[in-house]
Amino acid sequence: AAEECKKLNVKSALPKVIITMRKALNLGSFFTTGTDEVRQWTIRNGT
């Protein structure tokens, strides 16, 4: 799929679709990190 997009000089629109919807919902992220686990948590901006 990556090779096909490169050959056609185009990107999949799906990442943009998901990111734009999160922005429309006013969602953001914080992280908890370490060698056991890296996790991305979803919160409403302003939390």
ModelCIF file with pLDDT and N, C-alpha, C, O atoms, coordinates in Angstrom:
data_MODEL
#
_entry.id   MODEL 
#
_entity.id                         1 
_entity.type                       polymer 
_entity.pdbx_number_of_molecules   1 
#
_entity_poly.entity_id                      1 
_entity_poly.type                           'polypeptide(L)' 
_entity_poly.nstd_linkage                   no 
_entity_poly.nstd_monomer                   no 
_entity_poly.pdbx_seq_one_letter_code       AAEECKKLNVKSALPKVIITMRKALNLGSFFTTGTDEVRQWTIRNGT 
_entity_poly.pdbx_seq_one_letter_code_can   AAEECKKLNVKSALPKVIITMRKALNLGSFFTTGTDEVRQWTIRNGT 
_entity_poly.pdbx_strand_id                 A 
#
loop_
_entity_poly_seq.entity_id 
_entity_poly_seq.num 
_entity_poly_seq.mon_id 
_entity_poly_seq.hetero 
1 1  ALA n 
1 2  ALA n 
1 3  GLU n 
1 4  GLU n 
1 5  CYS n 
1 6  LYS n 
1 7  LYS n 
1 8  LEU n 
1 9  ASN n 
1 10 VAL n 
1 11 LYS n 
1 12 SER n 
1 13 ALA n 
1 14 LEU n 
1 15 PRO n 
1 16 LYS n 
1 17 VAL n 
1 18 ILE n 
1 19 ILE n 
1 20 THR n 
1 21 MET n 
1 22 ARG n 
1 23 LYS n 
1 24 ALA n 
1 25 LEU n 
1 26 ASN n 
1 27 LEU n 
1 28 GLY n 
1 29 SER n 
1 30 PHE n 
1 31 PHE n 
1 32 THR n 
1 33 THR n 
1 34 GLY n 
1 35 THR n 
1 36 ASP n 
1 37 GLU n 
1 38 VAL n 
1 39 ARG n 
1 40 GLN n 
1 41 TRP n 
1 42 THR n 
1 43 ILE n 
1 44 ARG n 
1 45 ASN n 
1 46 GLY n 
1 47 THR n 
#
_struct_asym.id          A 
_struct_asym.entity_id   1 
#
loop_
_ma_qa_metric.id 
_ma_qa_metric.mode 
_ma_qa_metric.name 
_ma_qa_metric.software_group_id 
_ma_qa_metric.type 
1 global pLDDT . pLDDT 
2 local  pLDDT . pLDDT 
#
_ma_qa_metric_global.metric_id      1 
_ma_qa_metric_global.metric_value   93.89 
_ma_qa_metric_global.model_id       1 
_ma_qa_metric_global.ordinal_id     1 
#
loop_
_ma_qa_metric_local.label_asym_id 
_ma_qa_metric_local.label_comp_id 
_ma_qa_metric_local.label_seq_id 
_ma_qa_metric_local.metric_id 
_ma_qa_metric_local.metric_value 
_ma_qa_metric_local.model_id 
_ma_qa_metric_local.ordinal_id 
A ALA 1  2 93.00 1 1  
A ALA 2  2 93.00 1 2  
A GLU 3  2 95.00 1 3  
A GLU 4  2 95.00 1 4  
A CYS 5  2 94.00 1 5  
A LYS 6  2 95.00 1 6  
A LYS 7  2 95.00 1 7  
A LEU 8  2 94.00 1 8  
A ASN 9  2 94.00 1 9  
A VAL 10 2 95.00 1 10 
A LYS 11 2 94.00 1 11 
A SER 12 2 94.00 1 12 
A ALA 13 2 95.00 1 13 
A LEU 14 2 93.00 1 14 
A PRO 15 2 93.00 1 15 
A LYS 16 2 95.00 1 16 
A VAL 17 2 94.00 1 17 
A ILE 18 2 93.00 1 18 
A ILE 19 2 94.00 1 19 
A THR 20 2 94.00 1 20 
A MET 21 2 92.00 1 21 
A ARG 22 2 92.00 1 22 
A LYS 23 2 92.00 1 23 
A ALA 24 2 91.00 1 24 
A LEU 25 2 91.00 1 25 
A ASN 26 2 92.00 1 26 
A LEU 27 2 93.00 1 27 
A GLY 28 2 94.00 1 28 
A SER 29 2 94.00 1 29 
A PHE 30 2 96.00 1 30 
A PHE 31 2 97.00 1 31 
A THR 32 2 96.00 1 32 
A THR 33 2 95.00 1 33 
A GLY 34 2 93.00 1 34 
A THR 35 2 94.00 1 35 
A ASP 36 2 96.00 1 36 
A GLU 37 2 96.00 1 37 
A VAL 38 2 96.00 1 38 
A ARG 39 2 96.00 1 39 
A GLN 40 2 96.00 1 40 
A TRP 41 2 95.00 1 41 
A THR 42 2 94.00 1 42 
A ILE 43 2 93.00 1 43 
A ARG 44 2 91.00 1 44 
A ASN 45 2 92.00 1 45 
A GLY 46 2 91.00 1 46 
A THR 47 2 93.00 1 47 
#
loop_
_atom_site.group_PDB 
_atom_site.id 
_atom_site.type_symbol 
_atom_site.label_atom_id 
_atom_site.label_alt_id 
_atom_site.label_comp_id 
_atom_site.label_asym_id 
_atom_site.label_entity_id 
_atom_site.label_seq_id 
_atom_site.pdbx_PDB_ins_code 
_atom_site.Cartn_x 
_atom_site.Cartn_y 
_atom_site.Cartn_z 
_atom_site.occupancy 
_atom_site.B_iso_or_equiv 
_atom_site.pdbx_formal_charge 
_atom_site.auth_seq_id 
_atom_site.auth_comp_id 
_atom_site.auth_asym_id 
_atom_site.auth_atom_id 
_atom_site.pdbx_PDB_model_num 
ATOM 1   N N  . ALA A 1 1  ? 0.838   -1.212 0.000  1.00 93.00 ? 1  ALA A N  1 
ATOM 2   C CA . ALA A 1 1  ? 0.000   0.000  0.000  1.00 93.00 ? 1  ALA A CA 1 
ATOM 3   C C  . ALA A 1 1  ? 0.868   1.255  0.000  1.00 93.00 ? 1  ALA A C  1 
ATOM 4   O O  . ALA A 1 1  ? 0.583   2.216  -0.714 1.00 93.00 ? 1  ALA A O  1 
ATOM 5   N N  . ALA A 1 2  ? 1.940   1.237  0.815  1.00 93.00 ? 2  ALA A N  1 
ATOM 6   C CA . ALA A 1 2  ? 2.858   2.386  0.866  1.00 93.00 ? 2  ALA A CA 1 
ATOM 7   C C  . ALA A 1 2  ? 3.536   2.588  -0.482 1.00 93.00 ? 2  ALA A C  1 
ATOM 8   O O  . ALA A 1 2  ? 3.701   3.718  -0.940 1.00 93.00 ? 2  ALA A O  1 
ATOM 9   N N  . GLU A 1 3  ? 3.926   1.490  -1.109 1.00 95.00 ? 3  GLU A N  1 
ATOM 10  C CA . GLU A 1 3  ? 4.572   1.544  -2.422 1.00 95.00 ? 3  GLU A CA 1 
ATOM 11  C C  . GLU A 1 3  ? 3.603   2.078  -3.483 1.00 95.00 ? 3  GLU A C  1 
ATOM 12  O O  . GLU A 1 3  ? 3.981   2.873  -4.344 1.00 95.00 ? 3  GLU A O  1 
ATOM 13  N N  . GLU A 1 4  ? 2.352   1.627  -3.402 1.00 95.00 ? 4  GLU A N  1 
ATOM 14  C CA . GLU A 1 4  ? 1.321   2.076  -4.355 1.00 95.00 ? 4  GLU A CA 1 
ATOM 15  C C  . GLU A 1 4  ? 1.082   3.579  -4.227 1.00 95.00 ? 4  GLU A C  1 
ATOM 16  O O  . GLU A 1 4  ? 0.990   4.284  -5.232 1.00 95.00 ? 4  GLU A O  1 
ATOM 17  N N  . CYS A 1 5  ? 0.981   4.067  -2.992 1.00 94.00 ? 5  CYS A N  1 
ATOM 18  C CA . CYS A 1 5  ? 0.778   5.504  -2.767 1.00 94.00 ? 5  CYS A CA 1 
ATOM 19  C C  . CYS A 1 5  ? 1.969   6.318  -3.277 1.00 94.00 ? 5  CYS A C  1 
ATOM 20  O O  . CYS A 1 5  ? 1.804   7.395  -3.851 1.00 94.00 ? 5  CYS A O  1 
ATOM 21  N N  . LYS A 1 6  ? 3.176   5.777  -3.055 1.00 95.00 ? 6  LYS A N  1 
ATOM 22  C CA . LYS A 1 6  ? 4.391   6.459  -3.522 1.00 95.00 ? 6  LYS A CA 1 
ATOM 23  C C  . LYS A 1 6  ? 4.418   6.524  -5.042 1.00 95.00 ? 6  LYS A C  1 
ATOM 24  O O  . LYS A 1 6  ? 4.748   7.555  -5.629 1.00 95.00 ? 6  LYS A O  1 
ATOM 25  N N  . LYS A 1 7  ? 4.069   5.413  -5.664 1.00 95.00 ? 7  LYS A N  1 
ATOM 26  C CA . LYS A 1 7  ? 4.069   5.336  -7.127 1.00 95.00 ? 7  LYS A CA 1 
ATOM 27  C C  . LYS A 1 7  ? 3.061   6.327  -7.734 1.00 95.00 ? 7  LYS A C  1 
ATOM 28  O O  . LYS A 1 7  ? 3.331   6.959  -8.755 1.00 95.00 ? 7  LYS A O  1 
ATOM 29  N N  . LEU A 1 8  ? 1.879   6.448  -7.072 1.00 94.00 ? 8  LEU A N  1 
ATOM 30  C CA . LEU A 1 8  ? 0.817   7.331  -7.577 1.00 94.00 ? 8  LEU A CA 1 
ATOM 31  C C  . LEU A 1 8  ? 0.962   8.764  -7.063 1.00 94.00 ? 8  LEU A C  1 
ATOM 32  O O  . LEU A 1 8  ? 0.187   9.646  -7.434 1.00 94.00 ? 8  LEU A O  1 
ATOM 33  N N  . ASN A 1 9  ? 1.975   8.991  -6.193 1.00 94.00 ? 9  ASN A N  1 
ATOM 34  C CA . ASN A 1 9  ? 2.224   10.314 -5.612 1.00 94.00 ? 9  ASN A CA 1 
ATOM 35  C C  . ASN A 1 9  ? 0.986   10.845 -4.883 1.00 94.00 ? 9  ASN A C  1 
ATOM 36  O O  . ASN A 1 9  ? 0.557   11.979 -5.093 1.00 94.00 ? 9  ASN A O  1 
ATOM 37  N N  . VAL A 1 10 ? 0.426   9.990  -4.020 1.00 95.00 ? 10 VAL A N  1 
ATOM 38  C CA . VAL A 1 10 ? -0.783  10.351 -3.286 1.00 95.00 ? 10 VAL A CA 1 
ATOM 39  C C  . VAL A 1 10 ? -0.724  9.715  -1.899 1.00 95.00 ? 10 VAL A C  1 
ATOM 40  O O  . VAL A 1 10 ? -0.014  8.729  -1.701 1.00 95.00 ? 10 VAL A O  1 
ATOM 41  N N  . LYS A 1 11 ? -1.456  10.262 -0.952 1.00 94.00 ? 11 LYS A N  1 
ATOM 42  C CA . LYS A 1 11 ? -1.521  9.689  0.399  1.00 94.00 ? 11 LYS A CA 1 
ATOM 43  C C  . LYS A 1 11 ? -2.917  9.168  0.673  1.00 94.00 ? 11 LYS A C  1 
ATOM 44  O O  . LYS A 1 11 ? -3.895  9.662  0.112  1.00 94.00 ? 11 LYS A O  1 
ATOM 45  N N  . SER A 1 12 ? -3.007  8.164  1.541  1.00 94.00 ? 12 SER A N  1 
ATOM 46  C CA . SER A 1 12 ? -4.314  7.735  2.044  1.00 94.00 ? 12 SER A CA 1 
ATOM 47  C C  . SER A 1 12 ? -4.911  8.910  2.820  1.00 94.00 ? 12 SER A C  1 
ATOM 48  O O  . SER A 1 12 ? -4.208  9.605  3.553  1.00 94.00 ? 12 SER A O  1 
ATOM 49  N N  . ALA A 1 13 ? -6.223  9.120  2.648  1.00 95.00 ? 13 ALA A N  1 
ATOM 50  C CA . ALA A 1 13 ? -6.888  10.223 3.365  1.00 95.00 ? 13 ALA A CA 1 
ATOM 51  C C  . ALA A 1 13 ? -7.345  9.814  4.754  1.00 95.00 ? 13 ALA A C  1 
ATOM 52  O O  . ALA A 1 13 ? -7.767  10.665 5.537  1.00 95.00 ? 13 ALA A O  1 
ATOM 53  N N  . LEU A 1 14 ? -7.268  8.519  5.076  1.00 93.00 ? 14 LEU A N  1 
ATOM 54  C CA . LEU A 1 14 ? -7.837  8.038  6.339  1.00 93.00 ? 14 LEU A CA 1 
ATOM 55  C C  . LEU A 1 14 ? -7.189  8.651  7.588  1.00 93.00 ? 14 LEU A C  1 
ATOM 56  O O  . LEU A 1 14 ? -7.915  9.023  8.509  1.00 93.00 ? 14 LEU A O  1 
ATOM 57  N N  . PRO A 1 15 ? -5.846  8.773  7.661  1.00 93.00 ? 15 PRO A N  1 
ATOM 58  C CA . PRO A 1 15 ? -5.283  9.423  8.849  1.00 93.00 ? 15 PRO A CA 1 
ATOM 59  C C  . PRO A 1 15 ? -5.832  10.830 9.057  1.00 93.00 ? 15 PRO A C  1 
ATOM 60  O O  . PRO A 1 15 ? -6.136  11.223 10.183 1.00 93.00 ? 15 PRO A O  1 
ATOM 61  N N  . LYS A 1 16 ? -5.958  11.587 7.969  1.00 95.00 ? 16 LYS A N  1 
ATOM 62  C CA . LYS A 1 16 ? -6.488  12.958 8.061  1.00 95.00 ? 16 LYS A CA 1 
ATOM 63  C C  . LYS A 1 16 ? -7.941  12.935 8.541  1.00 95.00 ? 16 LYS A C  1 
ATOM 64  O O  . LYS A 1 16 ? -8.354  13.782 9.332  1.00 95.00 ? 16 LYS A O  1 
ATOM 65  N N  . VAL A 1 17 ? -8.714  11.952 8.053  1.00 94.00 ? 17 VAL A N  1 
ATOM 66  C CA . VAL A 1 17 ? -10.120 11.821 8.446  1.00 94.00 ? 17 VAL A CA 1 
ATOM 67  C C  . VAL A 1 17 ? -10.227 11.644 9.961  1.00 94.00 ? 17 VAL A C  1 
ATOM 68  O O  . VAL A 1 17 ? -11.026 12.317 10.612 1.00 94.00 ? 17 VAL A O  1 
ATOM 69  N N  . ILE A 1 18 ? -9.424  10.743 10.518 1.00 93.00 ? 18 ILE A N  1 
ATOM 70  C CA . ILE A 1 18 ? -9.478  10.446 11.952 1.00 93.00 ? 18 ILE A CA 1 
ATOM 71  C C  . ILE A 1 18 ? -8.997  11.639 12.783 1.00 93.00 ? 18 ILE A C  1 
ATOM 72  O O  . ILE A 1 18 ? -9.628  12.004 13.775 1.00 93.00 ? 18 ILE A O  1 
ATOM 73  N N  . ILE A 1 19 ? -7.877  12.244 12.373 1.00 94.00 ? 19 ILE A N  1 
ATOM 74  C CA . ILE A 1 19 ? -7.311  13.376 13.118 1.00 94.00 ? 19 ILE A CA 1 
ATOM 75  C C  . ILE A 1 19 ? -8.271  14.575 13.091 1.00 94.00 ? 19 ILE A C  1 
ATOM 76  O O  . ILE A 1 19 ? -8.439  15.264 14.097 1.00 94.00 ? 19 ILE A O  1 
ATOM 77  N N  . THR A 1 20 ? -8.896  14.816 11.933 1.00 94.00 ? 20 THR A N  1 
ATOM 78  C CA . THR A 1 20 ? -9.833  15.942 11.805 1.00 94.00 ? 20 THR A CA 1 
ATOM 79  C C  . THR A 1 20 ? -11.040 15.746 12.694 1.00 94.00 ? 20 THR A C  1 
ATOM 80  O O  . THR A 1 20 ? -11.531 16.699 13.298 1.00 94.00 ? 20 THR A O  1 
ATOM 81  N N  . MET A 1 21 ? -11.532 14.495 12.783 1.00 92.00 ? 21 MET A N  1 
ATOM 82  C CA . MET A 1 21 ? -12.685 14.236 13.648 1.00 92.00 ? 21 MET A CA 1 
ATOM 83  C C  . MET A 1 21 ? -12.327 14.442 15.116 1.00 92.00 ? 21 MET A C  1 
ATOM 84  O O  . MET A 1 21 ? -13.126 14.991 15.875 1.00 92.00 ? 21 MET A O  1 
ATOM 85  N N  . ARG A 1 22 ? -11.135 14.008 15.523 1.00 92.00 ? 22 ARG A N  1 
ATOM 86  C CA . ARG A 1 22 ? -10.721 14.243 16.918 1.00 92.00 ? 22 ARG A CA 1 
ATOM 87  C C  . ARG A 1 22 ? -10.671 15.738 17.223 1.00 92.00 ? 22 ARG A C  1 
ATOM 88  O O  . ARG A 1 22 ? -11.052 16.179 18.308 1.00 92.00 ? 22 ARG A O  1 
ATOM 89  N N  . LYS A 1 23 ? -10.198 16.501 16.253 1.00 92.00 ? 23 LYS A N  1 
ATOM 90  C CA . LYS A 1 23 ? -10.132 17.951 16.438 1.00 92.00 ? 23 LYS A CA 1 
ATOM 91  C C  . LYS A 1 23 ? -11.545 18.537 16.541 1.00 92.00 ? 23 LYS A C  1 
ATOM 92  O O  . LYS A 1 23 ? -11.803 19.413 17.366 1.00 92.00 ? 23 LYS A O  1 
ATOM 93  N N  . ALA A 1 24 ? -12.455 18.041 15.692 1.00 91.00 ? 24 ALA A N  1 
ATOM 94  C CA . ALA A 1 24 ? -13.845 18.519 15.712 1.00 91.00 ? 24 ALA A CA 1 
ATOM 95  C C  . ALA A 1 24 ? -14.513 18.208 17.053 1.00 91.00 ? 24 ALA A C  1 
ATOM 96  O O  . ALA A 1 24 ? -15.357 18.971 17.525 1.00 91.00 ? 24 ALA A O  1 
ATOM 97  N N  . LEU A 1 25 ? -14.133 17.091 17.657 1.00 91.00 ? 25 LEU A N  1 
ATOM 98  C CA . LEU A 1 25 ? -14.676 16.697 18.964 1.00 91.00 ? 25 LEU A CA 1 
ATOM 99  C C  . LEU A 1 25 ? -13.937 17.367 20.123 1.00 91.00 ? 25 LEU A C  1 
ATOM 100 O O  . LEU A 1 25 ? -14.267 17.152 21.289 1.00 91.00 ? 25 LEU A O  1 
ATOM 101 N N  . ASN A 1 26 ? -12.929 18.183 19.785 1.00 92.00 ? 26 ASN A N  1 
ATOM 102 C CA . ASN A 1 26 ? -12.117 18.885 20.784 1.00 92.00 ? 26 ASN A CA 1 
ATOM 103 C C  . ASN A 1 26 ? -11.398 17.910 21.718 1.00 92.00 ? 26 ASN A C  1 
ATOM 104 O O  . ASN A 1 26 ? -11.316 18.119 22.928 1.00 92.00 ? 26 ASN A O  1 
ATOM 105 N N  . LEU A 1 27 ? -10.877 16.832 21.112 1.00 93.00 ? 27 LEU A N  1 
ATOM 106 C CA . LEU A 1 27 ? -10.159 15.816 21.885 1.00 93.00 ? 27 LEU A CA 1 
ATOM 107 C C  . LEU A 1 27 ? -8.651  16.022 21.782 1.00 93.00 ? 27 LEU A C  1 
ATOM 108 O O  . LEU A 1 27 ? -8.133  16.448 20.750 1.00 93.00 ? 27 LEU A O  1 
ATOM 109 N N  . GLY A 1 28 ? -7.976  15.716 22.854 1.00 94.00 ? 28 GLY A N  1 
ATOM 110 C CA . GLY A 1 28 ? -6.519  15.759 22.875 1.00 94.00 ? 28 GLY A CA 1 
ATOM 111 C C  . GLY A 1 28 ? -5.982  14.499 23.531 1.00 94.00 ? 28 GLY A C  1 
ATOM 112 O O  . GLY A 1 28 ? -6.743  13.569 23.802 1.00 94.00 ? 28 GLY A O  1 
ATOM 113 N N  . SER A 1 29 ? -4.682  14.456 23.789 1.00 94.00 ? 29 SER A N  1 
ATOM 114 C CA . SER A 1 29 ? -4.068  13.253 24.362 1.00 94.00 ? 29 SER A CA 1 
ATOM 115 C C  . SER A 1 29 ? -3.052  13.615 25.432 1.00 94.00 ? 29 SER A C  1 
ATOM 116 O O  . SER A 1 29 ? -2.416  14.668 25.384 1.00 94.00 ? 29 SER A O  1 
ATOM 117 N N  . PHE A 1 30 ? -2.917  12.718 26.396 1.00 96.00 ? 30 PHE A N  1 
ATOM 118 C CA . PHE A 1 30 ? -1.731  12.730 27.241 1.00 96.00 ? 30 PHE A CA 1 
ATOM 119 C C  . PHE A 1 30 ? -1.171  11.315 27.242 1.00 96.00 ? 30 PHE A C  1 
ATOM 120 O O  . PHE A 1 30 ? -1.845  10.366 26.844 1.00 96.00 ? 30 PHE A O  1 
ATOM 121 N N  . PHE A 1 31 ? 0.081   11.188 27.699 1.00 97.00 ? 31 PHE A N  1 
ATOM 122 C CA . PHE A 1 31 ? 0.768   9.895  27.631 1.00 97.00 ? 31 PHE A CA 1 
ATOM 123 C C  . PHE A 1 31 ? 1.229   9.454  29.018 1.00 97.00 ? 31 PHE A C  1 
ATOM 124 O O  . PHE A 1 31 ? 1.554   10.278 29.873 1.00 97.00 ? 31 PHE A O  1 
ATOM 125 N N  . THR A 1 32 ? 1.250   8.140  29.221 1.00 96.00 ? 32 THR A N  1 
ATOM 126 C CA . THR A 1 32 ? 1.983   7.557  30.343 1.00 96.00 ? 32 THR A CA 1 
ATOM 127 C C  . THR A 1 32 ? 3.059   6.683  29.706 1.00 96.00 ? 32 THR A C  1 
ATOM 128 O O  . THR A 1 32 ? 2.790   5.942  28.761 1.00 96.00 ? 32 THR A O  1 
ATOM 129 N N  . THR A 1 33 ? 4.272   6.776  30.229 1.00 95.00 ? 33 THR A N  1 
ATOM 130 C CA . THR A 1 33 ? 5.407   6.146  29.542 1.00 95.00 ? 33 THR A CA 1 
ATOM 131 C C  . THR A 1 33 ? 6.271   5.329  30.492 1.00 95.00 ? 33 THR A C  1 
ATOM 132 O O  . THR A 1 33 ? 6.231   5.497  31.711 1.00 95.00 ? 33 THR A O  1 
ATOM 133 N N  . GLY A 1 34 ? 7.048   4.446  29.893 1.00 93.00 ? 34 GLY A N  1 
ATOM 134 C CA . GLY A 1 34 ? 7.989   3.627  30.651 1.00 93.00 ? 34 GLY A CA 1 
ATOM 135 C C  . GLY A 1 34 ? 8.359   2.401  29.841 1.00 93.00 ? 34 GLY A C  1 
ATOM 136 O O  . GLY A 1 34 ? 7.831   2.191  28.749 1.00 93.00 ? 34 GLY A O  1 
ATOM 137 N N  . THR A 1 35 ? 9.262   1.594  30.367 1.00 94.00 ? 35 THR A N  1 
ATOM 138 C CA . THR A 1 35 ? 9.691   0.407  29.612 1.00 94.00 ? 35 THR A CA 1 
ATOM 139 C C  . THR A 1 35 ? 8.645   -0.701 29.653 1.00 94.00 ? 35 THR A C  1 
ATOM 140 O O  . THR A 1 35 ? 8.653   -1.598 28.811 1.00 94.00 ? 35 THR A O  1 
ATOM 141 N N  . ASP A 1 36 ? 7.731   -0.638 30.648 1.00 96.00 ? 36 ASP A N  1 
ATOM 142 C CA . ASP A 1 36 ? 6.654   -1.639 30.688 1.00 96.00 ? 36 ASP A CA 1 
ATOM 143 C C  . ASP A 1 36 ? 5.559   -1.305 29.676 1.00 96.00 ? 36 ASP A C  1 
ATOM 144 O O  . ASP A 1 36 ? 5.073   -2.179 28.958 1.00 96.00 ? 36 ASP A O  1 
ATOM 145 N N  . GLU A 1 37 ? 5.178   -0.018 29.630 1.00 96.00 ? 37 GLU A N  1 
ATOM 146 C CA . GLU A 1 37 ? 4.072   0.362  28.737 1.00 96.00 ? 37 GLU A CA 1 
ATOM 147 C C  . GLU A 1 37 ? 4.170   1.820  28.320 1.00 96.00 ? 37 GLU A C  1 
ATOM 148 O O  . GLU A 1 37 ? 4.519   2.690  29.118 1.00 96.00 ? 37 GLU A O  1 
ATOM 149 N N  . VAL A 1 38 ? 3.855   2.072  27.049 1.00 96.00 ? 38 VAL A N  1 
ATOM 150 C CA . VAL A 1 38 ? 3.593   3.427  26.561 1.00 96.00 ? 38 VAL A CA 1 
ATOM 151 C C  . VAL A 1 38 ? 2.128   3.438  26.146 1.00 96.00 ? 38 VAL A C  1 
ATOM 152 O O  . VAL A 1 38 ? 1.700   2.642  25.310 1.00 96.00 ? 38 VAL A O  1 
ATOM 153 N N  . ARG A 1 39 ? 1.358   4.361  26.750 1.00 96.00 ? 39 ARG A N  1 
ATOM 154 C CA . ARG A 1 39 ? -0.063  4.412  26.435 1.00 96.00 ? 39 ARG A CA 1 
ATOM 155 C C  . ARG A 1 39 ? -0.485  5.854  26.154 1.00 96.00 ? 39 ARG A C  1 
ATOM 156 O O  . ARG A 1 39 ? -0.060  6.789  26.833 1.00 96.00 ? 39 ARG A O  1 
ATOM 157 N N  . GLN A 1 40 ? -1.326  6.004  25.141 1.00 96.00 ? 40 GLN A N  1 
ATOM 158 C CA . GLN A 1 40 ? -1.871  7.313  24.791 1.00 96.00 ? 40 GLN A CA 1 
ATOM 159 C C  . GLN A 1 40 ? -3.332  7.359  25.256 1.00 96.00 ? 40 GLN A C  1 
ATOM 160 O O  . GLN A 1 40 ? -4.150  6.534  24.847 1.00 96.00 ? 40 GLN A O  1 
ATOM 161 N N  . TRP A 1 41 ? -3.645  8.333  26.115 1.00 95.00 ? 41 TRP A N  1 
ATOM 162 C CA . TRP A 1 41 ? -4.986  8.466  26.680 1.00 95.00 ? 41 TRP A CA 1 
ATOM 163 C C  . TRP A 1 41 ? -5.711  9.624  26.014 1.00 95.00 ? 41 TRP A C  1 
ATOM 164 O O  . TRP A 1 41 ? -5.105  10.650 25.702 1.00 95.00 ? 41 TRP A O  1 
ATOM 165 N N  . THR A 1 42 ? -7.010  9.455  25.798 1.00 94.00 ? 42 THR A N  1 
ATOM 166 C CA . THR A 1 42 ? -7.814  10.493 25.147 1.00 94.00 ? 42 THR A CA 1 
ATOM 167 C C  . THR A 1 42 ? -8.589  11.291 26.184 1.00 94.00 ? 42 THR A C  1 
ATOM 168 O O  . THR A 1 42 ? -9.252  10.722 27.052 1.00 94.00 ? 42 THR A O  1 
ATOM 169 N N  . ILE A 1 43 ? -8.499  12.625 26.087 1.00 93.00 ? 43 ILE A N  1 
ATOM 170 C CA . ILE A 1 43 ? -9.276  13.508 26.963 1.00 93.00 ? 43 ILE A CA 1 
ATOM 171 C C  . ILE A 1 43 ? -9.831  14.666 26.147 1.00 93.00 ? 43 ILE A C  1 
ATOM 172 O O  . ILE A 1 43 ? -9.348  14.956 25.052 1.00 93.00 ? 43 ILE A O  1 
ATOM 173 N N  . ARG A 1 44 ? -10.837 15.316 26.685 1.00 91.00 ? 44 ARG A N  1 
ATOM 174 C CA . ARG A 1 44 ? -11.347 16.554 26.103 1.00 91.00 ? 44 ARG A CA 1 
ATOM 175 C C  . ARG A 1 44 ? -10.349 17.663 26.415 1.00 91.00 ? 44 ARG A C  1 
ATOM 176 O O  . ARG A 1 44 ? -9.890  17.760 27.553 1.00 91.00 ? 44 ARG A O  1 
ATOM 177 N N  . ASN A 1 45 ? -10.001 18.490 25.456 1.00 92.00 ? 45 ASN A N  1 
ATOM 178 C CA . ASN A 1 45 ? -9.114  19.631 25.726 1.00 92.00 ? 45 ASN A CA 1 
ATOM 179 C C  . ASN A 1 45 ? -9.733  20.490 26.820 1.00 92.00 ? 45 ASN A C  1 
ATOM 180 O O  . ASN A 1 45 ? -10.939 20.736 26.814 1.00 92.00 ? 45 ASN A O  1 
ATOM 181 N N  . GLY A 1 46 ? -8.915  20.941 27.750 1.00 91.00 ? 46 GLY A N  1 
ATOM 182 C CA . GLY A 1 46 ? -9.423  21.729 28.876 1.00 91.00 ? 46 GLY A CA 1 
ATOM 183 C C  . GLY A 1 46 ? -9.654  20.898 30.123 1.00 91.00 ? 46 GLY A C  1 
ATOM 184 O O  . GLY A 1 46 ? -10.079 21.432 31.148 1.00 91.00 ? 46 GLY A O  1 
ATOM 185 N N  . THR A 1 47 ? -9.378  19.581 30.056 1.00 93.00 ? 47 THR A N  1 
ATOM 186 C CA . THR A 1 47 ? -9.568  18.692 31.201 1.00 93.00 ? 47 THR A CA 1 
ATOM 187 C C  . THR A 1 47 ? -8.507  18.957 32.273 1.00 93.00 ? 47 THR A C  1 
ATOM 188 O O  . THR A 1 47 ? -8.505  18.302 33.316 1.00 93.00 ? 47 THR A O  1 
#
